[in-house]
N, C-alpha and C. Protein backbone atom coordinates (compact mmCIF):
# COMPACT_ATOMS: atom_id res chain seq x y z
N MET A 1 95.74 87.75 37.80
CA MET A 1 94.49 88.14 38.40
C MET A 1 93.39 87.91 37.36
N ASP A 2 92.35 87.21 37.76
CA ASP A 2 91.28 86.96 36.80
C ASP A 2 90.25 88.09 36.85
N LEU A 3 89.23 87.98 36.03
CA LEU A 3 88.24 89.05 35.87
C LEU A 3 87.45 89.30 37.15
N GLN A 4 87.11 88.26 37.91
CA GLN A 4 86.34 88.42 39.15
C GLN A 4 87.17 89.15 40.20
N ASP A 5 88.46 88.83 40.32
CA ASP A 5 89.32 89.52 41.29
C ASP A 5 89.46 91.00 40.93
N GLN A 6 89.52 91.30 39.64
CA GLN A 6 89.62 92.69 39.19
C GLN A 6 88.37 93.47 39.58
N LYS A 7 87.19 92.86 39.43
CA LYS A 7 85.93 93.53 39.79
C LYS A 7 85.86 93.76 41.30
N ASP A 8 86.32 92.78 42.10
CA ASP A 8 86.31 92.94 43.55
C ASP A 8 87.26 94.06 43.98
N ALA A 9 88.40 94.16 43.33
CA ALA A 9 89.35 95.21 43.67
C ALA A 9 88.80 96.57 43.30
N ASP A 10 88.12 96.68 42.15
CA ASP A 10 87.54 97.95 41.74
C ASP A 10 86.39 98.36 42.64
N ALA A 11 85.65 97.39 43.17
CA ALA A 11 84.51 97.68 44.03
C ALA A 11 84.96 98.23 45.38
N SER A 12 86.16 97.89 45.83
CA SER A 12 86.63 98.37 47.14
C SER A 12 87.21 99.77 47.06
N VAL A 13 87.48 100.29 45.88
CA VAL A 13 88.02 101.62 45.70
C VAL A 13 86.85 102.59 45.56
N ILE A 14 86.88 103.66 46.34
CA ILE A 14 85.81 104.65 46.25
C ILE A 14 86.37 105.94 45.69
N SER A 15 85.48 106.74 45.14
CA SER A 15 85.91 107.99 44.54
C SER A 15 86.06 109.06 45.62
N PRO A 16 86.78 110.14 45.33
CA PRO A 16 86.90 111.23 46.31
C PRO A 16 85.55 111.84 46.68
N ASN A 17 84.64 111.93 45.75
CA ASN A 17 83.31 112.48 46.05
C ASN A 17 82.55 111.60 47.02
N GLN A 18 82.67 110.27 46.87
CA GLN A 18 82.03 109.36 47.82
C GLN A 18 82.66 109.50 49.21
N ALA A 19 83.96 109.69 49.26
CA ALA A 19 84.64 109.84 50.54
C ALA A 19 84.23 111.12 51.24
N ARG A 20 84.00 112.19 50.47
CA ARG A 20 83.59 113.47 51.06
C ARG A 20 82.15 113.42 51.55
N ALA A 21 81.34 112.55 50.98
CA ALA A 21 79.92 112.48 51.33
C ALA A 21 79.68 111.71 52.62
N VAL A 22 80.66 110.97 53.08
CA VAL A 22 80.49 110.17 54.30
C VAL A 22 80.58 111.08 55.52
N ASP A 23 79.66 110.88 56.46
CA ASP A 23 79.70 111.64 57.71
C ASP A 23 80.87 111.18 58.56
N PRO A 24 81.62 112.12 59.13
CA PRO A 24 82.76 111.72 59.96
C PRO A 24 82.30 111.08 61.27
N VAL A 25 83.11 110.19 61.76
CA VAL A 25 82.83 109.55 63.04
C VAL A 25 83.41 110.45 64.13
N GLU A 26 82.57 110.89 65.02
CA GLU A 26 83.01 111.79 66.09
C GLU A 26 83.35 110.97 67.33
N PRO A 27 84.41 111.34 68.03
CA PRO A 27 84.76 110.60 69.24
C PRO A 27 83.76 110.86 70.35
N ASP A 28 83.86 110.02 71.36
CA ASP A 28 83.00 110.14 72.52
C ASP A 28 83.25 111.49 73.18
N THR A 29 82.21 112.26 73.37
CA THR A 29 82.37 113.62 73.89
C THR A 29 81.94 113.76 75.33
N ASP A 30 82.02 112.69 76.10
CA ASP A 30 81.59 112.79 77.50
C ASP A 30 82.65 113.41 78.41
N GLY A 31 83.83 113.69 77.89
CA GLY A 31 84.86 114.39 78.66
C GLY A 31 85.81 113.49 79.40
N LYS A 32 85.62 112.18 79.34
CA LYS A 32 86.52 111.28 80.08
C LYS A 32 87.93 111.29 79.51
N LEU A 33 88.04 111.38 78.19
CA LEU A 33 89.36 111.43 77.58
C LEU A 33 90.09 112.71 77.97
N ALA A 34 89.38 113.83 77.95
CA ALA A 34 89.99 115.10 78.35
C ALA A 34 90.39 115.07 79.82
N GLU A 35 89.58 114.43 80.64
CA GLU A 35 89.89 114.33 82.06
C GLU A 35 91.14 113.49 82.29
N LYS A 36 91.26 112.38 81.57
CA LYS A 36 92.45 111.54 81.70
C LYS A 36 93.69 112.29 81.21
N GLU A 37 93.54 113.04 80.13
CA GLU A 37 94.67 113.81 79.61
C GLU A 37 95.10 114.88 80.62
N LEU A 38 94.14 115.52 81.26
CA LEU A 38 94.46 116.52 82.27
C LEU A 38 95.16 115.89 83.48
N GLU A 39 94.70 114.71 83.90
CA GLU A 39 95.35 114.02 85.01
C GLU A 39 96.79 113.65 84.65
N PHE A 40 96.99 113.17 83.43
CA PHE A 40 98.34 112.83 82.99
C PHE A 40 99.23 114.07 82.95
N TRP A 41 98.71 115.15 82.41
CA TRP A 41 99.48 116.39 82.33
C TRP A 41 99.87 116.87 83.73
N HIS A 42 98.91 116.80 84.67
CA HIS A 42 99.17 117.23 86.05
C HIS A 42 100.26 116.36 86.69
N ALA A 43 100.16 115.04 86.49
CA ALA A 43 101.17 114.14 87.05
C ALA A 43 102.54 114.42 86.44
N GLN A 44 102.57 114.70 85.16
CA GLN A 44 103.84 115.00 84.49
C GLN A 44 104.45 116.31 85.01
N GLU A 45 103.64 117.32 85.18
CA GLU A 45 104.14 118.60 85.69
C GLU A 45 104.58 118.48 87.14
N THR A 46 103.88 117.68 87.93
CA THR A 46 104.28 117.46 89.32
C THR A 46 105.63 116.76 89.38
N GLN A 47 105.81 115.77 88.51
CA GLN A 47 107.10 115.07 88.46
C GLN A 47 108.22 116.01 88.05
N LYS A 48 107.96 116.88 87.09
CA LYS A 48 108.98 117.86 86.69
C LYS A 48 109.33 118.80 87.84
N ALA A 49 108.31 119.20 88.61
CA ALA A 49 108.55 120.09 89.73
C ALA A 49 109.38 119.40 90.82
N HIS A 50 109.13 118.12 91.05
CA HIS A 50 109.91 117.39 92.05
C HIS A 50 111.35 117.22 91.61
N HIS A 51 111.57 117.02 90.33
CA HIS A 51 112.93 116.83 89.83
C HIS A 51 113.73 118.12 89.86
N GLY A 52 113.15 119.22 89.44
CA GLY A 52 113.90 120.46 89.33
C GLY A 52 114.88 120.37 88.17
N TRP A 53 115.70 121.39 88.03
CA TRP A 53 116.62 121.36 86.89
C TRP A 53 117.80 120.44 87.14
N LEU A 54 118.16 120.23 88.40
CA LEU A 54 119.21 119.25 88.69
C LEU A 54 118.71 117.82 88.53
N GLY A 55 117.41 117.64 88.71
CA GLY A 55 116.82 116.32 88.57
C GLY A 55 116.91 115.78 87.15
N LYS A 56 116.98 116.68 86.18
CA LYS A 56 117.14 116.23 84.80
C LYS A 56 118.48 115.52 84.62
N ILE A 57 119.47 115.91 85.40
CA ILE A 57 120.80 115.31 85.30
C ILE A 57 120.94 114.14 86.28
N PHE A 58 120.55 114.35 87.53
CA PHE A 58 120.82 113.38 88.59
C PHE A 58 119.67 112.45 88.91
N GLY A 59 118.47 112.70 88.41
CA GLY A 59 117.34 111.82 88.69
C GLY A 59 116.45 112.40 89.77
N SER A 60 115.47 111.61 90.18
CA SER A 60 114.50 112.07 91.17
C SER A 60 115.11 112.06 92.57
N ILE A 61 114.31 112.43 93.53
CA ILE A 61 114.79 112.56 94.91
C ILE A 61 115.32 111.23 95.44
N GLN A 62 114.67 110.13 95.07
CA GLN A 62 115.10 108.82 95.57
C GLN A 62 116.44 108.41 94.95
N GLU A 63 116.68 108.73 93.68
CA GLU A 63 117.90 108.28 93.02
C GLU A 63 119.04 109.29 93.10
N LYS A 64 118.74 110.53 93.43
CA LYS A 64 119.74 111.59 93.35
C LYS A 64 120.99 111.33 94.19
N PRO A 65 120.89 110.95 95.46
CA PRO A 65 122.12 110.74 96.23
C PRO A 65 123.00 109.63 95.65
N GLY A 66 122.38 108.56 95.22
CA GLY A 66 123.16 107.46 94.63
C GLY A 66 123.80 107.86 93.33
N ASN A 67 123.09 108.62 92.52
CA ASN A 67 123.65 109.06 91.24
C ASN A 67 124.82 110.02 91.45
N ILE A 68 124.69 110.91 92.41
CA ILE A 68 125.79 111.84 92.70
C ILE A 68 127.00 111.09 93.25
N ALA A 69 126.77 110.09 94.09
CA ALA A 69 127.89 109.29 94.61
C ALA A 69 128.56 108.51 93.48
N ALA A 70 127.77 107.98 92.56
CA ALA A 70 128.35 107.25 91.44
C ALA A 70 129.17 108.18 90.55
N ILE A 71 128.68 109.39 90.33
CA ILE A 71 129.43 110.37 89.54
C ILE A 71 130.73 110.74 90.25
N ALA A 72 130.68 110.87 91.58
CA ALA A 72 131.90 111.18 92.34
C ALA A 72 132.92 110.06 92.20
N VAL A 73 132.48 108.81 92.22
CA VAL A 73 133.40 107.68 92.05
C VAL A 73 134.02 107.71 90.66
N ILE A 74 133.19 107.91 89.64
CA ILE A 74 133.69 107.91 88.27
C ILE A 74 134.68 109.06 88.05
N LEU A 75 134.33 110.26 88.53
CA LEU A 75 135.24 111.40 88.37
C LEU A 75 136.54 111.21 89.14
N SER A 76 136.47 110.58 90.31
CA SER A 76 137.69 110.33 91.08
C SER A 76 138.60 109.36 90.35
N PHE A 77 138.02 108.31 89.77
CA PHE A 77 138.85 107.38 89.00
C PHE A 77 139.47 108.06 87.78
N ILE A 78 138.69 108.90 87.10
CA ILE A 78 139.21 109.61 85.94
C ILE A 78 140.37 110.53 86.36
N MET A 79 140.16 111.28 87.46
CA MET A 79 141.23 112.16 87.95
C MET A 79 142.47 111.36 88.34
N LEU A 80 142.25 110.21 88.93
CA LEU A 80 143.36 109.37 89.35
C LEU A 80 144.16 108.88 88.16
N PHE A 81 143.47 108.42 87.11
CA PHE A 81 144.18 107.94 85.92
C PHE A 81 144.89 109.07 85.18
N VAL A 82 144.25 110.23 85.11
CA VAL A 82 144.89 111.38 84.45
C VAL A 82 146.13 111.81 85.24
N ALA A 83 146.00 111.89 86.55
CA ALA A 83 147.15 112.29 87.38
C ALA A 83 148.27 111.27 87.26
N PHE A 84 147.93 110.00 87.24
CA PHE A 84 148.96 108.96 87.08
C PHE A 84 149.69 109.12 85.76
N GLY A 85 148.92 109.34 84.68
CA GLY A 85 149.53 109.50 83.36
C GLY A 85 150.40 110.73 83.28
N VAL A 86 149.93 111.85 83.82
CA VAL A 86 150.70 113.10 83.75
C VAL A 86 151.95 113.01 84.60
N MET A 87 151.84 112.55 85.82
CA MET A 87 152.99 112.51 86.72
C MET A 87 154.00 111.45 86.30
N TYR A 88 153.55 110.33 85.77
CA TYR A 88 154.48 109.28 85.37
C TYR A 88 155.23 109.67 84.11
N ARG A 89 154.55 110.30 83.18
CA ARG A 89 155.21 110.73 81.94
C ARG A 89 156.16 111.89 82.19
N GLY A 90 155.73 112.82 83.04
CA GLY A 90 156.54 114.01 83.26
C GLY A 90 157.84 113.72 84.00
N ALA A 91 157.78 112.95 85.05
CA ALA A 91 158.96 112.71 85.87
C ALA A 91 159.62 111.38 85.59
N GLY A 92 158.91 110.48 84.93
CA GLY A 92 159.46 109.15 84.71
C GLY A 92 159.38 108.31 85.96
N ASP A 93 159.02 108.94 87.04
CA ASP A 93 158.89 108.25 88.32
C ASP A 93 157.75 108.91 89.07
N LEU A 94 157.02 108.13 89.81
CA LEU A 94 155.91 108.71 90.57
C LEU A 94 156.46 109.45 91.77
N ASN A 95 156.05 110.69 91.91
CA ASN A 95 156.57 111.49 93.02
C ASN A 95 155.59 111.49 94.19
N GLU A 96 155.95 112.25 95.18
CA GLU A 96 155.19 112.29 96.43
C GLU A 96 153.80 112.90 96.24
N ASN A 97 153.67 113.84 95.30
CA ASN A 97 152.35 114.48 95.08
C ASN A 97 151.31 113.48 94.58
N PHE A 98 151.75 112.53 93.76
CA PHE A 98 150.80 111.53 93.27
C PHE A 98 150.24 110.71 94.43
N PHE A 99 151.08 110.35 95.37
CA PHE A 99 150.62 109.53 96.49
C PHE A 99 149.72 110.32 97.43
N LYS A 100 149.94 111.64 97.52
CA LYS A 100 149.02 112.47 98.29
C LYS A 100 147.65 112.52 97.61
N LEU A 101 147.67 112.69 96.29
CA LEU A 101 146.43 112.70 95.52
C LEU A 101 145.75 111.33 95.59
N LEU A 102 146.54 110.29 95.53
CA LEU A 102 146.00 108.93 95.61
C LEU A 102 145.28 108.71 96.94
N SER A 103 145.89 109.13 98.02
CA SER A 103 145.26 108.92 99.33
C SER A 103 143.98 109.77 99.47
N ALA A 104 143.97 110.97 98.91
CA ALA A 104 142.76 111.80 98.98
C ALA A 104 141.63 111.22 98.14
N LEU A 105 141.96 110.78 96.93
CA LEU A 105 140.92 110.27 96.05
C LEU A 105 140.42 108.90 96.48
N THR A 106 141.29 108.06 97.04
CA THR A 106 140.80 106.77 97.52
C THR A 106 139.87 106.95 98.71
N GLY A 107 140.09 108.00 99.49
CA GLY A 107 139.14 108.30 100.57
C GLY A 107 137.78 108.69 100.02
N VAL A 108 137.76 109.53 98.99
CA VAL A 108 136.50 109.93 98.36
C VAL A 108 135.83 108.71 97.72
N ILE A 109 136.61 107.90 97.03
CA ILE A 109 136.05 106.71 96.39
C ILE A 109 135.50 105.75 97.44
N GLY A 110 136.22 105.57 98.51
CA GLY A 110 135.76 104.67 99.57
C GLY A 110 134.48 105.15 100.22
N LEU A 111 134.41 106.44 100.50
CA LEU A 111 133.19 106.99 101.10
C LEU A 111 131.99 106.86 100.16
N ALA A 112 132.21 107.17 98.89
CA ALA A 112 131.10 107.09 97.93
C ALA A 112 130.66 105.65 97.73
N LEU A 113 131.61 104.73 97.64
CA LEU A 113 131.23 103.32 97.50
C LEU A 113 130.54 102.80 98.76
N GLY A 114 131.00 103.24 99.90
CA GLY A 114 130.32 102.87 101.14
C GLY A 114 128.89 103.38 101.18
N TYR A 115 128.68 104.58 100.68
CA TYR A 115 127.33 105.11 100.62
C TYR A 115 126.48 104.33 99.63
N LEU A 116 127.06 104.02 98.47
CA LEU A 116 126.31 103.32 97.43
C LEU A 116 125.89 101.92 97.86
N PHE A 117 126.81 101.19 98.46
CA PHE A 117 126.56 99.79 98.76
C PHE A 117 126.30 99.54 100.25
N GLY A 118 126.23 100.57 101.04
CA GLY A 118 125.96 100.42 102.46
C GLY A 118 124.52 100.04 102.70
N SER A 119 124.20 99.87 103.95
CA SER A 119 122.82 99.47 104.28
C SER A 119 121.88 100.60 103.93
N SER A 120 120.82 100.24 103.22
CA SER A 120 119.85 101.24 102.79
C SER A 120 118.51 101.00 103.46
N GLY A 121 118.53 100.39 104.61
CA GLY A 121 117.28 100.10 105.32
C GLY A 121 116.74 101.35 105.99
N GLN A 122 115.75 101.96 105.38
CA GLN A 122 115.11 103.14 105.96
C GLN A 122 113.84 102.69 106.67
N LYS A 123 113.85 102.79 107.98
CA LYS A 123 112.71 102.27 108.75
C LYS A 123 111.91 103.39 109.34
């Protein structure tokens, strides 16, 4: 760094007293920012009210039925795999109870998948 660059760098640094002497820049006080913030807050609180405490888990009103059906499918598959593992290990052979459980859970899975992928034309 040469002597001229050093002088330019020193000129851009101000002392704390100079910084305290500068008048602060005040934001626009016409209230538009506060009004926008209030509108945002209101929209956020309205959305929270529509969701409810179950909405935090399952989503809003539009997504809730699909999310619950998807959870039912996932839980049914998990129960099916756990039952298969328990019954196959315990008896060495799949017994009649597994097939009863299989028919019940495949019905739930079929209904939920039919709901998820069925016609969603709301007219």
